[in-house]
C-alpha atoms as a PDB file:
ATOM      1  CA  MET A   1      44.257  14.715 -41.796  1.00  0.00           C
ATOM      2  CA  VAL A   2      40.710  13.646 -42.561  1.00  0.00           C
ATOM      3  CA  ARG A   3      38.540  11.948 -39.979  1.00  0.00           C
ATOM      4  CA  THR A   4      35.832   9.570 -41.153  1.00  0.00           C
ATOM      5  CA  ALA A   5      32.472  10.300 -39.551  1.00  0.00           C
ATOM      6  CA  GLY A   6      31.165   7.765 -37.057  1.00  0.00           C
ATOM      7  CA  GLY A   7      32.971   5.173 -35.007  1.00  0.00           C
ATOM      8  CA  GLY A   8      30.696   2.173 -35.143  1.00  0.00           C
ATOM      9  CA  PHE A   9      28.880   3.291 -31.983  1.00  0.00           C
ATOM     10  CA  ASN A  10      25.270   3.043 -33.146  1.00  0.00           C
ATOM     11  CA  GLY A  11      22.066   1.319 -32.170  1.00  0.00           C
ATOM     12  CA  GLU A  12      22.677  -1.831 -34.196  1.00  0.00           C
ATOM     13  CA  ALA A  13      26.253  -2.160 -32.933  1.00  0.00           C
ATOM     14  CA  ILE A  14      25.152  -1.781 -29.324  1.00  0.00           C
ATOM     15  CA  LYS A  15      22.607  -4.574 -29.807  1.00  0.00           C
ATOM     16  CA  THR A  16      24.894  -7.033 -31.595  1.00  0.00           C
ATOM     17  CA  LYS A  17      28.637  -6.388 -31.233  1.00  0.00           C
ATOM     18  CA  ALA A  18      30.507  -8.460 -28.651  1.00  0.00           C
ATOM     19  CA  SER A  19      32.596  -5.424 -27.719  1.00  0.00           C
ATOM     20  CA  MET A  20      29.416  -3.651 -26.608  1.00  0.00           C
ATOM     21  CA  VAL A  21      28.328  -6.292 -24.114  1.00  0.00           C
ATOM     22  CA  ARG A  22      29.101  -4.036 -21.129  1.00  0.00           C
ATOM     23  CA  VAL A  23      27.050  -1.245 -22.670  1.00  0.00           C
ATOM     24  CA  ARG A  24      24.084  -3.611 -23.068  1.00  0.00           C
ATOM     25  CA  GLU A  25      24.443  -4.878 -19.498  1.00  0.00           C
ATOM     26  CA  ASN A  26      24.655  -1.366 -18.047  1.00  0.00           C
ATOM     27  CA  SER A  27      21.697  -0.189 -20.124  1.00  0.00           C
ATOM     28  CA  SER A  28      19.517  -3.088 -18.996  1.00  0.00           C
ATOM     29  CA  GLU A  29      20.316  -2.572 -15.322  1.00  0.00           C
ATOM     30  CA  PHE A  30      19.912   1.200 -15.547  1.00  0.00           C
ATOM     31  CA  LYS A  31      16.451   0.770 -17.059  1.00  0.00           C
ATOM     32  CA  GLU A  32      15.425  -1.576 -14.219  1.00  0.00           C
ATOM     33  CA  CYS A  33      16.850   0.863 -11.663  1.00  0.00           C
ATOM     34  CA  MET A  34      14.936   3.830 -13.114  1.00  0.00           C
ATOM     35  CA  GLN A  35      11.697   1.840 -13.106  1.00  0.00           C
ATOM     36  CA  ALA A  36      12.267   0.858  -9.462  1.00  0.00           C
ATOM     37  CA  VAL A  37      12.945   4.476  -8.456  1.00  0.00           C
ATOM     38  CA  ALA A  38       9.788   5.687 -10.221  1.00  0.00           C
ATOM     39  CA  THR A  39       7.653   2.983  -8.600  1.00  0.00           C
ATOM     40  CA  PHE A  40       9.158   3.562  -5.148  1.00  0.00           C
ATOM     41  CA  LYS A  41       8.287   7.251  -5.431  1.00  0.00           C
ATOM     42  CA  GLN A  42       4.730   6.343  -6.403  1.00  0.00           C
ATOM     43  CA  MET A  43       4.453   4.267  -3.225  1.00  0.00           C
ATOM     44  CA  LEU A  44       5.127   7.422  -1.181  1.00  0.00           C
ATOM     45  CA  GLN A  45       2.571   9.706  -2.797  1.00  0.00           C
ATOM     46  CA  PRO A  46       0.948  12.069  -2.033  1.00  0.00           C
ATOM     47  CA  TYR A  47       3.502  12.777   0.700  1.00  0.00           C
ATOM     48  CA  LEU A  48       6.426  13.290  -1.685  1.00  0.00           C
ATOM     49  CA  GLN A  49       4.400  15.869  -3.579  1.00  0.00           C
ATOM     50  CA  LEU A  50       3.661  17.745  -0.358  1.00  0.00           C
ATOM     51  CA  LEU A  51       7.228  17.552   0.980  1.00  0.00           C
ATOM     52  CA  LYS A  52       9.014  18.544  -2.207  1.00  0.00           C
ATOM     53  CA  ASP A  53      12.728  17.950  -2.785  1.00  0.00           C
ATOM     54  CA  GLY A  54      14.015  18.799  -6.250  1.00  0.00           C
ATOM     55  CA  LYS A  55      17.111  16.621  -5.867  1.00  0.00           C
ATOM     56  CA  LEU A  56      15.438  13.501  -4.480  1.00  0.00           C
ATOM     57  CA  HIS A  57      15.166  11.704  -7.819  1.00  0.00           C
ATOM     58  CA  GLN A  58      18.893  11.966  -8.518  1.00  0.00           C
ATOM     59  CA  ARG A  59      19.743  10.882  -4.983  1.00  0.00           C
ATOM     60  CA  LEU A  60      17.453   7.854  -5.213  1.00  0.00           C
ATOM     61  CA  VAL A  61      18.959   6.835  -8.564  1.00  0.00           C
ATOM     62  CA  ARG A  62      22.411   6.831  -6.944  1.00  0.00           C
ATOM     63  CA  VAL A  63      21.360   4.784  -3.923  1.00  0.00           C
ATOM     64  CA  PHE A  64      19.273   2.321  -5.951  1.00  0.00           C
ATOM     65  CA  THR A  65      22.193   1.820  -8.360  1.00  0.00           C
ATOM     66  CA  GLN A  66      24.351   0.885  -5.366  1.00  0.00           C
ATOM     67  CA  LEU A  67      21.604  -1.365  -4.032  1.00  0.00           C
ATOM     68  CA  LYS A  68      21.306  -3.229  -7.327  1.00  0.00           C
ATOM     69  CA  ALA A  69      25.035  -3.997  -7.252  1.00  0.00           C
ATOM     70  CA  PHE A  70      24.542  -6.019  -4.038  1.00  0.00           C
ATOM     71  CA  ASP A  71      22.415  -8.604  -5.880  1.00  0.00           C
ATOM     72  CA  PRO A  72      24.270 -11.830  -4.918  1.00  0.00           C
ATOM     73  CA  ILE A  73      22.584 -14.139  -7.423  1.00  0.00           C
ATOM     74  CA  SER A  74      22.112 -12.563 -10.841  1.00  0.00           C
ATOM     75  CA  VAL A  75      24.765 -12.170 -13.511  1.00  0.00           C
ATOM     76  CA  ARG A  76      25.835  -8.706 -14.583  1.00  0.00           C
ATOM     77  CA  GLY A  77      23.140  -7.149 -16.738  1.00  0.00           C
ATOM     78  CA  GLN A  78      20.348  -8.898 -14.832  1.00  0.00           C
ATOM     79  CA  ARG A  79      20.950  -7.633 -11.283  1.00  0.00           C
ATOM     80  CA  THR A  80      17.881  -6.168  -9.571  1.00  0.00           C
ATOM     81  CA  ILE A  81      16.874  -3.925  -6.697  1.00  0.00           C
ATOM     82  CA  ALA A  82      14.666  -6.666  -5.218  1.00  0.00           C
ATOM     83  CA  LYS A  83      17.562  -9.114  -4.893  1.00  0.00           C
ATOM     84  CA  GLY A  84      19.844  -6.394  -3.539  1.00  0.00           C
ATOM     85  CA  LEU A  85      17.334  -5.861  -0.732  1.00  0.00           C
ATOM     86  CA  THR A  86      17.659  -9.513   0.311  1.00  0.00           C
ATOM     87  CA  THR A  87      21.198  -8.851   1.568  1.00  0.00           C
ATOM     88  CA  ALA A  88      22.159  -7.358   4.929  1.00  0.00           C
ATOM     89  CA  ILE A  89      24.451  -4.793   3.271  1.00  0.00           C
ATOM     90  CA  GLY A  90      21.641  -3.754   0.924  1.00  0.00           C
ATOM     91  CA  ARG A  91      19.189  -3.253   3.779  1.00  0.00           C
ATOM     92  CA  ASP A  92      21.828  -1.296   5.732  1.00  0.00           C
ATOM     93  CA  LEU A  93      22.256   1.033   2.755  1.00  0.00           C
ATOM     94  CA  LEU A  94      18.618   2.181   2.982  1.00  0.00           C
ATOM     95  CA  ARG A  95      18.107   1.984   6.745  1.00  0.00           C
ATOM     96  CA  GLY A  96      18.170   5.523   8.130  1.00  0.00           C
ATOM     97  CA  TYR A  97      18.035   7.104   4.672  1.00  0.00           C
ATOM     98  CA  VAL A  98      16.464  10.587   4.830  1.00  0.00           C
ATOM     99  CA  LEU A  99      14.296  11.284   1.784  1.00  0.00           C
ATOM    100  CA  THR A 100      13.725  14.970   2.538  1.00  0.00           C
ATOM    101  CA  GLN A 101      16.318  17.654   3.176  1.00  0.00           C
ATOM    102  CA  ASN A 102      14.825  19.223   6.307  1.00  0.00           C
ATOM    103  CA  GLY A 103      16.814  17.103   8.741  1.00  0.00           C
ATOM    104  CA  SER A 104      16.269  13.656  10.179  1.00  0.00           C
ATOM    105  CA  LEU A 105      13.254  12.364  12.069  1.00  0.00           C
ATOM    106  CA  GLN A 106      15.333  12.451  15.240  1.00  0.00           C
ATOM    107  CA  SER A 107      16.108  16.152  14.772  1.00  0.00           C
ATOM    108  CA  LEU A 108      12.459  16.885  14.016  1.00  0.00           C
ATOM    109  CA  LEU A 109      11.085  15.094  17.075  1.00  0.00           C
ATOM    110  CA  GLN A 110      13.964  16.245  19.290  1.00  0.00           C
ATOM    111  CA  GLN A 111      13.517  13.051  21.291  1.00  0.00           C
ATOM    112  CA  ALA A 112      14.633   9.459  20.843  1.00  0.00           C
ATOM    113  CA  TYR A 113      12.250   7.035  19.165  1.00  0.00           C
ATOM    114  CA  THR A 114      12.295   3.277  18.674  1.00  0.00           C
ATOM    115  CA  PHE A 115      10.998   1.058  15.922  1.00  0.00           C
ATOM    116  CA  ASP A 116      10.463  -2.683  16.173  1.00  0.00           C
ATOM    117  CA  GLU A 117       9.187  -4.649  13.181  1.00  0.00           C
ATOM    118  CA  HIS A 118       6.791  -6.556  15.468  1.00  0.00           C
ATOM    119  CA  ILE A 119       5.717  -3.775  17.848  1.00  0.00           C
ATOM    120  CA  GLY A 120       5.909  -0.651  15.717  1.00  0.00           C
ATOM    121  CA  PHE A 121       6.953   2.960  16.335  1.00  0.00           C
ATOM    122  CA  GLN A 122       7.215   4.354  19.874  1.00  0.00           C
ATOM    123  CA  VAL A 123       8.282   7.567  21.592  1.00  0.00           C
ATOM    124  CA  PRO A 124       7.946   7.412  25.392  1.00  0.00           C
ATOM    125  CA  HIS A 125       7.285  10.535  27.494  1.00  0.00           C
ATOM    126  CA  PHE A 126       6.913  12.774  24.460  1.00  0.00           C
ATOM    127  CA  ASN A 127       6.524  16.536  24.801  1.00  0.00           C
ATOM    128  CA  ALA A 128       5.295  18.198  21.600  1.00  0.00           C
ATOM    129  CA  THR A 129       5.883  21.818  22.616  1.00  0.00           C
ATOM    130  CA  PRO A 130       9.486  22.141  21.269  1.00  0.00           C
ATOM    131  CA  LEU A 131       8.380  20.894  17.834  1.00  0.00           C
ATOM    132  CA  PHE A 132       6.248  23.943  17.200  1.00  0.00           C
ATOM    133  CA  MET A 133       8.701  26.641  18.267  1.00  0.00           C
ATOM    134  CA  GLY A 134       9.481  28.963  15.374  1.00  0.00           C
ATOM    135  CA  THR A 135       6.661  27.648  13.200  1.00  0.00           C
ATOM    136  CA  VAL A 136       3.088  28.687  12.424  1.00  0.00           C
ATOM    137  CA  ALA A 137       1.973  25.044  12.558  1.00  0.00           C
ATOM    138  CA  SER A 138      -1.010  24.086  14.708  1.00  0.00           C
ATOM    139  CA  GLN A 139      -0.506  20.313  14.661  1.00  0.00           C
ATOM    140  CA  MET A 140       1.796  17.582  13.371  1.00  0.00           C
ATOM    141  CA  GLU A 141       0.895  14.246  11.796  1.00  0.00           C
ATOM    142  CA  LEU A 142       2.970  11.058  12.041  1.00  0.00           C
ATOM    143  CA  VAL A 143       2.349   8.020   9.850  1.00  0.00           C
ATOM    144  CA  LEU A 144       4.301   4.984   8.628  1.00  0.00           C
ATOM    145  CA  ARG A 145       4.240   3.757   5.037  1.00  0.00           C
ATOM    146  CA  TYR A 146       5.308   0.108   4.610  1.00  0.00           C
ATOM    147  CA  VAL A 147       6.683  -0.324   1.073  1.00  0.00           C
ATOM    148  CA  LEU A 148       6.637  -4.044   0.224  1.00  0.00           C
ATOM    149  CA  VAL A 149       8.798  -5.612  -2.489  1.00  0.00           C
ATOM    150  CA  ASP A 150       8.343  -9.159  -3.754  1.00  0.00           C
ATOM    151  CA  ALA A 151      10.855 -11.468  -5.430  1.00  0.00           C
ATOM    152  CA  ASN A 152       9.809 -10.238  -8.886  1.00  0.00           C
ATOM    153  CA  GLY A 153      10.447  -6.619  -7.983  1.00  0.00           C
ATOM    154  CA  GLU A 154       6.756  -5.710  -7.717  1.00  0.00           C
ATOM    155  CA  PHE A 155       6.012  -2.891  -5.247  1.00  0.00           C
ATOM    156  CA  SER A 156       2.976  -2.357  -3.031  1.00  0.00           C
ATOM    157  CA  PHE A 157       2.332  -0.528   0.231  1.00  0.00           C
ATOM    158  CA  VAL A 158       0.377  -0.647   3.463  1.00  0.00           C
ATOM    159  CA  GLN A 159      -0.095   2.421   5.645  1.00  0.00           C
ATOM    160  CA  SER A 160      -0.327   2.580   9.417  1.00  0.00           C
ATOM    161  CA  GLU A 161      -2.842   4.538  11.410  1.00  0.00           C
ATOM    162  CA  LYS A 162      -2.134   8.269  11.584  1.00  0.00           C
ATOM    163  CA  VAL A 163      -1.224  10.017  14.825  1.00  0.00           C
ATOM    164  CA  VAL A 164      -2.036  13.734  15.061  1.00  0.00           C
ATOM    165  CA  LEU A 165      -0.253  15.766  17.744  1.00  0.00           C
ATOM    166  CA  GLU A 166      -1.465  19.138  18.989  1.00  0.00           C
ATOM    167  CA  ARG A 167       0.915  21.797  20.305  1.00  0.00           C
ATOM    168  CA  SER A 168       0.104  20.896  23.902  1.00  0.00           C
ATOM    169  CA  PHE A 169       0.445  17.105  23.512  1.00  0.00           C
ATOM    170  CA  SER A 170       2.358  15.266  26.218  1.00  0.00           C
ATOM    171  CA  GLY A 171       2.500  11.493  26.588  1.00  0.00           C
ATOM    172  CA  GLU A 172       3.525   8.356  24.723  1.00  0.00           C
ATOM    173  CA  ILE A 173       3.377   8.000  20.944  1.00  0.00           C
ATOM    174  CA  GLU A 174       2.548   4.532  19.662  1.00  0.00           C
ATOM    175  CA  ILE A 175       1.972   3.520  16.051  1.00  0.00           C
ATOM    176  CA  ALA A 176       1.235  -0.187  15.754  1.00  0.00           C
ATOM    177  CA  VAL A 177       2.309  -2.371  12.837  1.00  0.00           C
ATOM    178  CA  PRO A 178      -0.614  -2.806  10.409  1.00  0.00           C
ATOM    179  CA  VAL A 179      -1.585  -6.191   9.000  1.00  0.00           C
ATOM    180  CA  LEU A 180       0.890  -6.942   6.224  1.00  0.00           C
ATOM    181  CA  PRO A 181       0.627  -9.453   3.372  1.00  0.00           C
ATOM    182  CA  ASP A 182       3.517 -11.770   2.546  1.00  0.00           C
ATOM    183  CA  TYR A 183       6.568  -9.982   1.198  1.00  0.00           C
ATOM    184  CA  ASP A 184      10.251 -10.561   0.465  1.00  0.00           C
ATOM    185  CA  SER A 185      11.478  -7.141   1.624  1.00  0.00           C
ATOM    186  CA  CYS A 186       9.856  -4.237   3.443  1.00  0.00           C
ATOM    187  CA  ILE A 187      11.025  -0.608   3.519  1.00  0.00           C
ATOM    188  CA  VAL A 188       9.395   1.251   6.421  1.00  0.00           C
ATOM    189  CA  VAL A 189       9.197   5.010   5.864  1.00  0.00           C
ATOM    190  CA  ALA A 190       8.211   7.349   8.703  1.00  0.00           C
ATOM    191  CA  ILE A 191       6.499  10.559   7.580  1.00  0.00           C
ATOM    192  CA  GLY A 192       6.058  13.628   9.738  1.00  0.00           C
ATOM    193  CA  ARG A 193       4.323  16.725   8.395  1.00  0.00           C
ATOM    194  CA  PHE A 194       2.835  19.915   9.836  1.00  0.00           C
ATOM    195  CA  PHE A 195      -0.504  21.636   9.400  1.00  0.00           C
ATOM    196  CA  GLN A 196      -1.581  25.216   9.967  1.00  0.00           C
ATOM    197  CA  GLU A 197      -5.135  25.993  11.035  1.00  0.00           C
ATOM    198  CA  ILE A 198      -6.752  28.872   9.159  1.00  0.00           C
ATOM    199  CA  ASN A 199     -10.401  29.715   9.819  1.00  0.00           C
ATOM    200  CA  GLY A 200     -11.142  26.242  11.089  1.00  0.00           C
ATOM    201  CA  SER A 201      -9.464  24.388   8.201  1.00  0.00           C
ATOM    202  CA  PHE A 202      -6.040  22.721   8.243  1.00  0.00           C
ATOM    203  CA  TYR A 203      -3.483  23.260   5.479  1.00  0.00           C
ATOM    204  CA  THR A 204      -0.190  21.431   4.941  1.00  0.00           C
ATOM    205  CA  ILE A 205       2.951  23.522   5.281  1.00  0.00           C
ATOM    206  CA  SER A 206       6.266  22.569   3.725  1.00  0.00           C
ATOM    207  CA  LYS A 207       8.068  21.715   6.945  1.00  0.00           C
ATOM    208  CA  GLY A 208       8.297  17.962   7.458  1.00  0.00           C
ATOM    209  CA  VAL A 209      10.458  14.877   7.102  1.00  0.00           C
ATOM    210  CA  MET A 210      10.458  11.419   5.503  1.00  0.00           C
ATOM    211  CA  GLU A 211      12.977   8.818   6.663  1.00  0.00           C
ATOM    212  CA  VAL A 212      13.496   5.073   6.252  1.00  0.00           C
ATOM    213  CA  VAL A 213      13.359   3.818   9.840  1.00  0.00           C
ATOM    214  CA  GLU A 214      13.733   0.106   9.032  1.00  0.00           C
ATOM    215  CA  VAL A 215      14.311  -2.334   6.196  1.00  0.00           C
ATOM    216  CA  THR A 216      13.436  -5.979   6.740  1.00  0.00           C
ATOM    217  CA  GLY A 217      13.648  -9.069   4.583  1.00  0.00           C
END
C-alpha cells in the first residue's frame, strides 16, 4: 500500500475550508487567551519575577481558557476573557486563586483576614511573630494590586499603599482601597513577601505569596 503525502491540513486549508471552521475558531480564541495571560502577568510585575513559579504560565493559560468559555455574548471564535469576567461564574473561578505555590495568604498570615471592595483589606488583632518562625526574614510587606479590565479587554492596574510588618508587630492591619478609575472588571491580588536585613540593607527572599482575594464587575 502506498500512502500519498499530506492530508489537506495546511495553512491555506485552515484559512478557507469550511471543514476547518472549528480550527479557526479555536486558534483565534487561543491567541486572545495567550495575549490576556501575558498582559495579566505584566500587571503583576515586578512581584512575579521576585516570587518565581515555573508552572504559573501553564496554570494561567488553563484558567483563562475556562474563563473565556463563560463569555455569554460572543459567538464561538470571538469569546473573550473580558466578557467572561462579567459573569458571576467567571469571577468565582478567579476568586481565591493562588498564583504562587507557597501556600495561600491565609496559611501565610496564620490569621483570618477580610476584604471588602469598599473598605479594603483588614486583619484585626494581628500578631506577626508566628510569621517569622523558621525564616531568616526581618520584615514582611503586604500590598494589593488592583488589575482593571475594560470592555475591550485592555488591562491596567492601580496599587495600594504598602504595609511593612516587623517581627514584633502587633495590632490591626488596614490597607485602604486606592482611588480607582472606571472599569468593567477588577481582579484584586494580595501580595505578601519577605525581606532579610543584611548590613543595614533589605533584600527580598523567595518566601511569599500572591492570591486573588476578590474579583468585582
